[in-house]
Amino acid sequence: MHALVKSVEESSIRQEPLGDFNVGDTVNVHTRIKEGDKERIQIFTGTVIRKVAGHGSNNASFTVRRIVEGEGIERIFPVNSPRVLKVEVKRQGRVRRAKLYYLRDRVGKATKVREKIVSKK
């Protein structure tokens, strides 16, 4: 039974990398949405507030948060989901925490994450 579970998990692991992003980055997540018989790509833009490695790389996920009309929206994306096409980093954030749950309690400009300044040498 253990070998069967292991083979199923190995077959579902993403072959190409999703993108290099960290907690605090502002990202665009491209997801495939199926509505009836039509399929389209939806972009969810927000700040990565957590990354979870899971037990093995099969359960890895990340959470993206954004504010829409004064309400906080959080989506959890599995890394190995075939519905998640790619993750584009719009802005690199400079944070000192692994999980940014404290952003849930902040309002207005306090929800902003400082930008990491990258020098080009």
Protein backbone atom coordinates (compact mmCIF):
# COMPACT_ATOMS: atom_id res chain seq x y z
CA MET A 1 0.00 0.00 0.00
CA HIS A 2 2.83 2.38 0.84
CA ALA A 3 4.41 1.90 -2.60
CA LEU A 4 1.08 2.69 -4.30
CA VAL A 5 0.67 5.95 -2.37
CA LYS A 6 4.26 6.91 -3.10
CA SER A 7 3.86 6.29 -6.84
CA VAL A 8 0.69 8.41 -6.98
CA GLU A 9 2.40 11.25 -5.10
CA GLU A 10 5.44 11.16 -7.37
CA SER A 11 3.28 11.30 -10.50
CA SER A 12 1.45 14.41 -9.25
CA ILE A 13 4.56 16.49 -8.50
CA ARG A 14 5.03 19.48 -10.80
CA GLN A 15 7.77 18.94 -13.39
CA GLU A 16 8.57 22.57 -14.26
CA PRO A 17 9.20 25.04 -11.42
CA LEU A 18 6.43 27.46 -10.49
CA GLY A 19 8.72 30.45 -10.02
CA ASP A 20 11.06 31.79 -7.39
CA PHE A 21 9.12 33.85 -4.84
CA ASN A 22 9.26 34.37 -1.09
CA VAL A 23 7.02 35.52 1.74
CA GLY A 24 6.39 39.27 1.45
CA ASP A 25 6.58 39.37 -2.35
CA THR A 26 3.74 40.85 -4.38
CA VAL A 27 2.86 38.28 -7.02
CA ASN A 28 0.50 37.57 -9.91
CA VAL A 29 -0.81 33.99 -9.74
CA HIS A 30 -2.16 32.72 -13.07
CA THR A 31 -4.82 30.04 -12.55
CA ARG A 32 -6.91 28.07 -15.01
CA ILE A 33 -10.65 28.48 -14.33
CA LYS A 34 -13.24 26.21 -15.93
CA GLU A 35 -16.76 27.64 -16.24
CA GLY A 36 -19.11 25.22 -17.92
CA ASP A 37 -17.43 24.15 -21.15
CA LYS A 38 -15.23 27.27 -21.35
CA GLU A 39 -11.78 27.61 -19.86
CA ARG A 40 -9.97 30.86 -19.10
CA ILE A 41 -6.99 32.16 -17.16
CA GLN A 42 -7.59 34.28 -14.08
CA ILE A 43 -4.88 36.38 -12.42
CA PHE A 44 -4.92 36.81 -8.63
CA THR A 45 -2.63 39.61 -7.44
CA GLY A 46 -1.58 39.96 -3.82
CA THR A 47 1.06 39.57 -1.14
CA VAL A 48 2.41 36.14 -0.21
CA ILE A 49 1.77 35.80 3.54
CA ARG A 50 2.89 32.19 3.98
CA LYS A 51 4.62 29.29 2.29
CA VAL A 52 4.21 25.74 3.61
CA ALA A 53 6.49 22.92 2.55
CA GLY A 54 4.09 20.25 3.81
CA HIS A 55 5.08 16.66 4.52
CA GLY A 56 7.18 16.12 1.45
CA SER A 57 6.95 18.39 -1.54
CA ASN A 58 3.56 17.03 -2.61
CA ASN A 59 1.61 18.97 0.03
CA ALA A 60 3.39 22.30 -0.47
CA SER A 61 1.19 25.38 -0.70
CA PHE A 62 1.28 29.16 -0.40
CA THR A 63 -1.26 31.78 0.64
CA VAL A 64 -1.78 35.10 -1.15
CA ARG A 65 -3.68 38.00 0.44
CA ARG A 66 -5.14 41.12 -1.10
CA ILE A 67 -7.71 43.78 -0.20
CA VAL A 68 -10.81 44.16 -2.40
CA GLU A 69 -13.24 46.98 -1.56
CA GLY A 70 -12.11 47.04 2.06
CA GLU A 71 -12.37 43.28 2.57
CA GLY A 72 -9.35 41.02 2.90
CA ILE A 73 -9.29 38.08 0.48
CA GLU A 74 -6.92 35.16 0.99
CA ARG A 75 -6.45 32.26 -1.41
CA ILE A 76 -4.46 29.13 -0.73
CA PHE A 77 -2.75 27.70 -3.81
CA PRO A 78 -1.28 24.17 -3.86
CA VAL A 79 2.14 24.28 -5.51
CA ASN A 80 1.59 21.03 -7.42
CA SER A 81 -1.90 21.86 -8.69
CA PRO A 82 -2.30 21.64 -12.47
CA ARG A 83 -4.67 24.63 -12.23
CA VAL A 84 -1.87 26.96 -11.10
CA LEU A 85 -0.02 27.87 -14.29
CA LYS A 86 2.65 30.32 -13.14
CA VAL A 87 3.59 32.86 -10.50
CA GLU A 88 5.07 36.20 -11.56
CA VAL A 89 6.86 38.35 -8.98
CA LYS A 90 5.82 42.00 -9.36
CA ARG A 91 7.71 43.33 -6.35
CA GLN A 92 10.08 41.79 -3.83
CA GLY A 93 9.22 42.49 -0.21
CA ARG A 94 11.60 42.94 2.69
CA VAL A 95 10.26 41.14 5.77
CA ARG A 96 11.74 39.54 8.87
CA ARG A 97 9.06 36.94 9.47
CA ALA A 98 8.26 33.59 7.87
CA LYS A 99 4.50 34.08 8.25
CA LEU A 100 2.85 37.48 7.83
CA TYR A 101 -0.37 36.77 9.71
CA TYR A 102 -0.09 40.14 11.47
CA LEU A 103 -1.14 41.82 8.20
CA ARG A 104 -4.68 40.56 8.83
CA ASP A 105 -5.08 42.99 11.73
CA ARG A 106 -3.65 45.99 9.89
CA VAL A 107 -5.71 48.59 8.00
CA GLY A 108 -4.80 50.99 5.19
CA LYS A 109 -1.17 51.86 4.59
CA ALA A 110 -0.07 49.69 7.50
CA THR A 111 -0.66 46.64 5.29
CA LYS A 112 2.16 47.66 2.96
CA VAL A 113 5.34 45.59 2.96
CA ARG A 114 8.64 47.39 2.47
CA GLU A 115 10.26 46.80 -0.90
CA LYS A 116 13.61 45.07 -1.17
CA ILE A 117 16.14 47.21 -2.99
CA VAL A 118 18.24 45.07 -5.31
CA SER A 119 21.46 46.65 -6.51
CA LYS A 120 22.59 45.83 -10.03
CA LYS A 121 26.32 45.18 -10.16
